[in-house]
Amino acid sequence: PQVEIVSPTLTTEISNPATLPVRWSTEWKRWDGLKYTNAFADDFAESEAELRYVPLYSRDGGQTWFNMLDDSQAQPGELPRNAAGAADPSRTLSDLTPSGNETYVWSTPAADFPRGVYVLRVEAYRASQPMHYAQHQEKIHVDR
């Protein structure tokens, strides 16, 4: 599916947040917003129950990435897996709403997240098709 960070965005005023709700939407479209092929109906959708999301952030313009769930270093484009090879529930989020809109409340204490520019990234993976994933990035500015 196509995933898009809805908020926060570069124009969002973020002043001294203890937490920051990160919201994204999911649609069963290609990366450019069009349907996959003409063979697909305009209202084509699959179950979101098998989707796993990985919310990431970077403090250095995308050179180094961290998982929002546990602040562990992360590699973009790689689904975090547990010892059994399944999506790691401590570093991934299951889809919670069938509407295509999801929210994760990110803990951003001032001691760990000083004033500066951050890049947010949300990745969406299909549990049954590991080669299929989508991502979207958004730059934000945190003011302290």
N, C-alpha and C. Protein backbone atom coordinates (compact mmCIF):
# COMPACT_ATOMS: atom_id res chain seq x y z
N PRO A 1 0.83 -1.20 0.00
CA PRO A 1 0.00 0.00 0.00
C PRO A 1 0.86 1.26 0.00
N GLN A 2 0.25 2.34 -0.34
CA GLN A 2 0.92 3.64 -0.24
C GLN A 2 0.73 4.14 1.19
N VAL A 3 1.79 4.63 1.81
CA VAL A 3 1.71 5.17 3.16
C VAL A 3 2.16 6.63 3.09
N GLU A 4 1.49 7.49 3.85
CA GLU A 4 1.83 8.91 3.85
C GLU A 4 1.69 9.49 5.25
N ILE A 5 2.75 10.15 5.72
CA ILE A 5 2.69 10.83 7.01
C ILE A 5 1.80 12.05 6.85
N VAL A 6 0.77 12.13 7.67
CA VAL A 6 -0.20 13.23 7.62
C VAL A 6 0.22 14.35 8.56
N SER A 7 0.72 13.97 9.75
CA SER A 7 1.22 14.97 10.69
C SER A 7 2.16 14.29 11.67
N PRO A 8 3.14 15.01 12.14
CA PRO A 8 3.45 16.40 11.83
C PRO A 8 4.15 16.51 10.47
N THR A 9 4.16 17.73 9.95
CA THR A 9 4.84 18.02 8.69
C THR A 9 5.81 19.18 8.93
N LEU A 10 6.51 19.57 7.90
CA LEU A 10 7.48 20.66 8.01
C LEU A 10 6.84 21.95 8.50
N THR A 11 5.57 22.16 8.16
CA THR A 11 4.89 23.40 8.55
C THR A 11 4.23 23.34 9.92
N THR A 12 4.24 22.18 10.57
CA THR A 12 3.65 22.05 11.91
C THR A 12 4.53 22.74 12.93
N GLU A 13 3.93 23.61 13.75
CA GLU A 13 4.67 24.27 14.82
C GLU A 13 4.74 23.32 16.01
N ILE A 14 5.97 22.92 16.35
CA ILE A 14 6.18 21.95 17.42
C ILE A 14 7.03 22.63 18.48
N SER A 15 6.41 22.93 19.61
CA SER A 15 7.10 23.67 20.66
C SER A 15 7.11 22.86 21.96
N ASN A 16 8.30 22.44 22.36
CA ASN A 16 8.54 21.76 23.63
C ASN A 16 7.63 20.55 23.86
N PRO A 17 7.58 19.60 22.93
CA PRO A 17 6.67 18.46 23.10
C PRO A 17 7.24 17.38 24.03
N ALA A 18 6.44 16.91 24.94
CA ALA A 18 6.81 15.75 25.75
C ALA A 18 6.47 14.48 24.97
N THR A 19 5.42 14.57 24.17
CA THR A 19 5.04 13.51 23.24
C THR A 19 4.65 14.17 21.92
N LEU A 20 4.69 13.39 20.88
CA LEU A 20 4.35 13.90 19.56
C LEU A 20 3.54 12.84 18.83
N PRO A 21 2.24 13.11 18.57
CA PRO A 21 1.46 12.13 17.81
C PRO A 21 1.91 12.13 16.35
N VAL A 22 2.30 10.97 15.87
CA VAL A 22 2.67 10.80 14.47
C VAL A 22 1.52 10.08 13.81
N ARG A 23 0.92 10.72 12.81
CA ARG A 23 -0.26 10.16 12.13
C ARG A 23 0.09 9.88 10.67
N TRP A 24 -0.40 8.74 10.17
CA TRP A 24 -0.20 8.42 8.77
C TRP A 24 -1.45 7.76 8.20
N SER A 25 -1.55 7.80 6.88
CA SER A 25 -2.67 7.17 6.19
C SER A 25 -2.11 6.09 5.27
N THR A 26 -2.95 5.10 5.00
CA THR A 26 -2.60 4.00 4.13
C THR A 26 -3.68 3.84 3.09
N GLU A 27 -3.28 3.75 1.82
CA GLU A 27 -4.22 3.50 0.72
C GLU A 27 -3.65 2.39 -0.15
N TRP A 28 -4.51 1.61 -0.74
CA TRP A 28 -4.07 0.54 -1.63
C TRP A 28 -3.90 1.10 -3.04
N LYS A 29 -2.88 1.91 -3.17
CA LYS A 29 -2.52 2.55 -4.44
C LYS A 29 -1.02 2.38 -4.65
N ARG A 30 -0.56 2.71 -5.84
CA ARG A 30 0.87 2.73 -6.12
C ARG A 30 1.51 3.92 -5.43
N TRP A 31 2.82 4.01 -5.49
CA TRP A 31 3.58 5.10 -4.88
C TRP A 31 3.14 6.47 -5.39
N ASP A 32 2.61 6.53 -6.61
CA ASP A 32 2.21 7.82 -7.19
C ASP A 32 0.72 8.11 -7.02
N GLY A 33 0.02 7.29 -6.24
CA GLY A 33 -1.40 7.51 -5.96
C GLY A 33 -2.34 6.91 -6.98
N LEU A 34 -1.83 6.29 -8.04
CA LEU A 34 -2.69 5.66 -9.04
C LEU A 34 -2.92 4.20 -8.67
N LYS A 35 -3.96 3.58 -9.26
CA LYS A 35 -4.18 2.17 -9.00
C LYS A 35 -3.05 1.36 -9.62
N TYR A 36 -2.85 0.15 -9.12
CA TYR A 36 -1.71 -0.67 -9.54
C TYR A 36 -1.65 -0.86 -11.05
N THR A 37 -2.76 -1.31 -11.65
CA THR A 37 -2.88 -1.45 -13.10
C THR A 37 -4.34 -1.20 -13.45
N ASN A 38 -4.63 -1.12 -14.74
CA ASN A 38 -6.02 -0.94 -15.17
C ASN A 38 -6.89 -2.14 -14.82
N ALA A 39 -6.28 -3.28 -14.53
CA ALA A 39 -7.04 -4.47 -14.16
C ALA A 39 -7.62 -4.37 -12.75
N PHE A 40 -7.12 -3.43 -11.95
CA PHE A 40 -7.61 -3.25 -10.59
C PHE A 40 -8.78 -2.26 -10.58
N ALA A 41 -9.80 -2.57 -9.79
CA ALA A 41 -10.94 -1.66 -9.65
C ALA A 41 -10.50 -0.39 -8.94
N ASP A 42 -11.21 0.71 -9.17
CA ASP A 42 -10.87 1.99 -8.54
C ASP A 42 -10.90 1.90 -7.02
N ASP A 43 -11.79 1.04 -6.48
CA ASP A 43 -11.92 0.93 -5.03
C ASP A 43 -11.19 -0.29 -4.46
N PHE A 44 -10.20 -0.81 -5.19
CA PHE A 44 -9.45 -1.98 -4.74
C PHE A 44 -8.82 -1.72 -3.37
N ALA A 45 -8.95 -2.70 -2.49
CA ALA A 45 -8.31 -2.64 -1.17
C ALA A 45 -8.15 -4.07 -0.68
N GLU A 46 -7.12 -4.27 0.11
CA GLU A 46 -6.91 -5.55 0.78
C GLU A 46 -7.01 -5.32 2.27
N SER A 47 -7.07 -6.40 3.00
CA SER A 47 -7.14 -6.29 4.45
C SER A 47 -5.87 -5.64 4.99
N GLU A 48 -6.05 -4.71 5.89
CA GLU A 48 -4.90 -4.08 6.53
C GLU A 48 -4.42 -4.88 7.74
N ALA A 49 -5.10 -5.97 8.05
CA ALA A 49 -4.76 -6.76 9.23
C ALA A 49 -3.35 -7.33 9.15
N GLU A 50 -2.83 -7.56 7.94
CA GLU A 50 -1.50 -8.13 7.83
C GLU A 50 -0.39 -7.07 7.72
N LEU A 51 -0.75 -5.80 7.81
CA LEU A 51 0.26 -4.75 7.72
C LEU A 51 1.01 -4.57 9.03
N ARG A 52 2.30 -4.32 8.92
CA ARG A 52 3.16 -4.00 10.06
C ARG A 52 3.85 -2.69 9.73
N TYR A 53 3.84 -1.78 10.68
CA TYR A 53 4.44 -0.46 10.48
C TYR A 53 5.71 -0.33 11.32
N VAL A 54 6.67 0.38 10.77
CA VAL A 54 7.91 0.65 11.48
C VAL A 54 8.12 2.17 11.44
N PRO A 55 7.87 2.86 12.56
CA PRO A 55 8.11 4.31 12.61
C PRO A 55 9.57 4.59 13.00
N LEU A 56 10.24 5.38 12.19
CA LEU A 56 11.66 5.69 12.41
C LEU A 56 11.87 7.19 12.50
N TYR A 57 13.03 7.59 13.05
CA TYR A 57 13.42 8.99 13.05
C TYR A 57 14.92 9.10 12.87
N SER A 58 15.34 10.26 12.38
CA SER A 58 16.76 10.54 12.20
C SER A 58 17.04 11.94 12.72
N ARG A 59 18.17 12.10 13.37
CA ARG A 59 18.60 13.40 13.88
C ARG A 59 19.62 14.06 12.95
N ASP A 60 20.11 13.31 11.96
CA ASP A 60 21.20 13.81 11.12
C ASP A 60 20.87 13.79 9.63
N GLY A 61 19.63 14.13 9.31
CA GLY A 61 19.23 14.24 7.91
C GLY A 61 19.10 12.92 7.17
N GLY A 62 18.98 11.82 7.89
CA GLY A 62 18.77 10.53 7.27
C GLY A 62 20.02 9.66 7.17
N GLN A 63 21.10 10.10 7.76
CA GLN A 63 22.32 9.28 7.76
C GLN A 63 22.21 8.11 8.74
N THR A 64 21.61 8.36 9.90
CA THR A 64 21.44 7.36 10.94
C THR A 64 19.97 7.33 11.33
N TRP A 65 19.40 6.15 11.49
CA TRP A 65 17.98 6.00 11.81
C TRP A 65 17.80 5.25 13.12
N PHE A 66 16.70 5.61 13.81
CA PHE A 66 16.34 4.97 15.07
C PHE A 66 14.85 4.61 15.04
N ASN A 67 14.51 3.51 15.71
CA ASN A 67 13.13 3.08 15.81
C ASN A 67 12.45 3.90 16.91
N MET A 68 11.31 4.49 16.61
CA MET A 68 10.58 5.30 17.59
C MET A 68 10.11 4.49 18.79
N LEU A 69 9.90 3.19 18.60
CA LEU A 69 9.32 2.38 19.67
C LEU A 69 10.30 2.11 20.80
N ASP A 70 11.58 1.95 20.48
CA ASP A 70 12.55 1.64 21.53
C ASP A 70 13.88 2.38 21.39
N ASP A 71 13.96 3.30 20.46
CA ASP A 71 15.17 4.10 20.20
C ASP A 71 16.38 3.27 19.77
N SER A 72 16.15 2.03 19.35
CA SER A 72 17.26 1.21 18.84
C SER A 72 17.64 1.68 17.44
N GLN A 73 18.90 1.49 17.08
CA GLN A 73 19.33 1.86 15.74
C GLN A 73 18.60 0.97 14.74
N ALA A 74 18.24 1.54 13.60
CA ALA A 74 17.43 0.82 12.62
C ALA A 74 18.04 0.97 11.23
N GLN A 75 17.71 0.03 10.38
CA GLN A 75 18.12 0.06 8.98
C GLN A 75 16.88 0.25 8.13
N PRO A 76 16.74 1.40 7.45
CA PRO A 76 15.57 1.61 6.59
C PRO A 76 15.43 0.49 5.56
N GLY A 77 14.19 0.10 5.31
CA GLY A 77 13.92 -0.93 4.32
C GLY A 77 14.07 -2.35 4.82
N GLU A 78 14.32 -2.51 6.12
CA GLU A 78 14.43 -3.85 6.70
C GLU A 78 13.44 -3.99 7.85
N LEU A 79 12.52 -4.92 7.70
CA LEU A 79 11.55 -5.20 8.75
C LEU A 79 12.26 -5.80 9.96
N PRO A 80 12.13 -5.19 11.14
CA PRO A 80 12.74 -5.79 12.33
C PRO A 80 12.09 -7.13 12.64
N ARG A 81 12.92 -8.14 12.82
CA ARG A 81 12.42 -9.49 13.05
C ARG A 81 12.89 -10.01 14.40
N ASN A 82 12.10 -10.92 14.98
CA ASN A 82 12.49 -11.57 16.23
C ASN A 82 13.31 -12.83 15.91
N ALA A 83 13.69 -13.57 16.93
CA ALA A 83 14.53 -14.76 16.75
C ALA A 83 13.86 -15.82 15.87
N ALA A 84 12.52 -15.85 15.86
CA ALA A 84 11.79 -16.83 15.05
C ALA A 84 11.62 -16.38 13.60
N GLY A 85 12.06 -15.17 13.29
CA GLY A 85 11.97 -14.66 11.92
C GLY A 85 10.70 -13.89 11.61
N ALA A 86 9.81 -13.76 12.59
CA ALA A 86 8.57 -13.00 12.40
C ALA A 86 8.81 -11.52 12.73
N ALA A 87 7.88 -10.68 12.34
CA ALA A 87 7.97 -9.26 12.67
C ALA A 87 8.07 -9.10 14.19
N ASP A 88 9.07 -8.37 14.64
CA ASP A 88 9.31 -8.17 16.07
C ASP A 88 8.26 -7.23 16.65
N PRO A 89 7.38 -7.72 17.54
CA PRO A 89 6.31 -6.87 18.07
C PRO A 89 6.82 -5.74 18.95
N SER A 90 8.06 -5.80 19.42
CA SER A 90 8.58 -4.71 20.24
C SER A 90 9.14 -3.57 19.38
N ARG A 91 9.30 -3.80 18.07
CA ARG A 91 9.84 -2.77 17.18
C ARG A 91 8.98 -2.54 15.96
N THR A 92 7.77 -3.11 15.94
CA THR A 92 6.81 -2.89 14.85
C THR A 92 5.43 -2.64 15.45
N LEU A 93 4.57 -2.04 14.66
CA LEU A 93 3.18 -1.79 15.07
C LEU A 93 2.25 -2.53 14.14
N SER A 94 1.26 -3.19 14.70
CA SER A 94 0.20 -3.80 13.89
C SER A 94 -0.78 -2.72 13.49
N ASP A 95 -1.47 -2.96 12.40
CA ASP A 95 -2.52 -2.04 11.97
C ASP A 95 -3.67 -2.12 12.96
N LEU A 96 -4.10 -0.97 13.48
CA LEU A 96 -5.14 -0.96 14.50
C LEU A 96 -6.51 -0.55 13.99
N THR A 97 -6.57 0.18 12.89
CA THR A 97 -7.86 0.66 12.39
C THR A 97 -8.03 0.27 10.93
N PRO A 98 -9.21 -0.21 10.56
CA PRO A 98 -9.44 -0.59 9.16
C PRO A 98 -9.64 0.62 8.24
N SER A 99 -9.62 1.82 8.78
CA SER A 99 -9.89 3.02 7.99
C SER A 99 -8.69 3.50 7.18
N GLY A 100 -7.51 2.94 7.44
CA GLY A 100 -6.33 3.41 6.74
C GLY A 100 -5.60 4.52 7.45
N ASN A 101 -6.10 4.95 8.61
CA ASN A 101 -5.47 6.02 9.39
C ASN A 101 -4.93 5.45 10.69
N GLU A 102 -3.66 5.72 10.95
CA GLU A 102 -3.00 5.20 12.14
C GLU A 102 -2.31 6.33 12.89
N THR A 103 -2.13 6.17 14.19
CA THR A 103 -1.43 7.15 15.02
C THR A 103 -0.53 6.42 16.01
N TYR A 104 0.68 6.93 16.16
CA TYR A 104 1.58 6.46 17.21
C TYR A 104 2.00 7.68 18.01
N VAL A 105 1.86 7.63 19.33
CA VAL A 105 2.25 8.74 20.19
C VAL A 105 3.70 8.50 20.61
N TRP A 106 4.58 9.31 20.05
CA TRP A 106 6.02 9.18 20.22
C TRP A 106 6.48 9.98 21.44
N SER A 107 7.20 9.35 22.33
CA SER A 107 7.73 10.02 23.52
C SER A 107 8.96 10.84 23.12
N THR A 108 8.91 12.16 23.35
CA THR A 108 9.99 13.07 22.92
C THR A 108 10.42 13.99 24.07
N PRO A 109 10.97 13.41 25.16
CA PRO A 109 11.40 14.27 26.27
C PRO A 109 12.55 15.18 25.84
N ALA A 110 12.57 16.38 26.40
CA ALA A 110 13.57 17.39 26.02
C ALA A 110 15.00 16.89 26.21
N ALA A 111 15.25 16.08 27.22
CA ALA A 111 16.61 15.59 27.48
C ALA A 111 17.13 14.72 26.34
N ASP A 112 16.23 14.00 25.66
CA ASP A 112 16.63 13.10 24.58
C ASP A 112 16.40 13.68 23.19
N PHE A 113 15.52 14.68 23.10
CA PHE A 113 15.16 15.27 21.81
C PHE A 113 15.28 16.79 21.89
N PRO A 114 16.51 17.28 21.76
CA PRO A 114 16.71 18.73 21.84
C PRO A 114 16.14 19.45 20.62
N ARG A 115 16.19 20.75 20.68
CA ARG A 115 15.77 21.59 19.56
C ARG A 115 16.53 21.17 18.32
N GLY A 116 15.84 21.06 17.20
CA GLY A 116 16.53 20.72 15.96
C GLY A 116 15.60 20.17 14.90
N VAL A 117 16.21 19.77 13.81
CA VAL A 117 15.49 19.22 12.68
C VAL A 117 15.58 17.70 12.74
N TYR A 118 14.46 17.04 12.54
CA TYR A 118 14.38 15.58 12.55
C TYR A 118 13.70 15.14 11.24
N VAL A 119 14.06 13.96 10.80
CA VAL A 119 13.36 13.35 9.67
C VAL A 119 12.59 12.16 10.22
N LEU A 120 11.29 12.14 9.94
CA LEU A 120 10.43 11.03 10.35
C LEU A 120 10.22 10.13 9.13
N ARG A 121 10.11 8.86 9.38
CA ARG A 121 9.88 7.90 8.30
C ARG A 121 8.94 6.82 8.84
N VAL A 122 7.91 6.51 8.08
CA VAL A 122 7.02 5.40 8.42
C VAL A 122 7.11 4.40 7.27
N GLU A 123 7.40 3.16 7.63
CA GLU A 123 7.46 2.08 6.66
C GLU A 123 6.28 1.14 6.90
N ALA A 124 5.70 0.62 5.82
CA ALA A 124 4.59 -0.32 5.90
C ALA A 124 4.99 -1.61 5.20
N TYR A 125 4.87 -2.73 5.89
CA TYR A 125 5.23 -4.05 5.36
C TYR A 125 4.01 -4.95 5.35
N ARG A 126 3.94 -5.83 4.37
CA ARG A 126 2.90 -6.86 4.32
C ARG A 126 3.51 -8.13 4.89
N ALA A 127 2.88 -8.67 5.91
CA ALA A 127 3.42 -9.85 6.59
C ALA A 127 3.56 -11.04 5.65
N SER A 128 2.65 -11.20 4.69
CA SER A 128 2.68 -12.37 3.81
C SER A 128 3.59 -12.19 2.61
N GLN A 129 4.06 -10.96 2.37
CA GLN A 129 4.90 -10.71 1.20
C GLN A 129 6.06 -9.81 1.61
N PRO A 130 7.13 -10.41 2.13
CA PRO A 130 8.21 -9.62 2.72
C PRO A 130 8.93 -8.68 1.76
N MET A 131 8.85 -8.92 0.47
CA MET A 131 9.53 -8.03 -0.48
C MET A 131 8.73 -6.75 -0.72
N HIS A 132 7.48 -6.73 -0.30
CA HIS A 132 6.63 -5.57 -0.55
C HIS A 132 6.65 -4.64 0.65
N TYR A 133 7.09 -3.42 0.43
CA TYR A 133 6.99 -2.44 1.50
C TYR A 133 6.87 -1.05 0.89
N ALA A 134 6.36 -0.14 1.69
CA ALA A 134 6.21 1.25 1.27
C ALA A 134 6.76 2.12 2.38
N GLN A 135 7.11 3.35 2.03
CA GLN A 135 7.64 4.26 3.04
C GLN A 135 7.32 5.69 2.65
N HIS A 136 7.30 6.55 3.66
CA HIS A 136 7.15 7.98 3.44
C HIS A 136 7.96 8.70 4.51
N GLN A 137 8.59 9.80 4.11
CA GLN A 137 9.40 10.59 5.03
C GLN A 137 8.88 12.01 5.10
N GLU A 138 9.09 12.64 6.25
CA GLU A 138 8.69 14.03 6.47
C GLU A 138 9.71 14.68 7.38
N LYS A 139 10.13 15.86 7.04
CA LYS A 139 11.06 16.62 7.87
C LYS A 139 10.25 17.49 8.83
N ILE A 140 10.72 17.57 10.10
CA ILE A 140 10.05 18.41 11.08
C ILE A 140 11.10 19.22 11.84
N HIS A 141 10.64 20.28 12.47
CA HIS A 141 11.51 21.09 13.33
C HIS A 141 10.91 21.15 14.73
N VAL A 142 11.70 20.75 15.71
CA VAL A 142 11.28 20.78 17.11
C VAL A 142 11.91 22.00 17.76
N ASP A 143 11.08 22.85 18.36
CA ASP A 143 11.56 24.04 19.04
C ASP A 143 11.49 23.82 20.55
N ARG A 144 12.55 24.14 21.24
CA ARG A 144 12.58 23.99 22.71
C ARG A 144 12.86 25.34 23.33
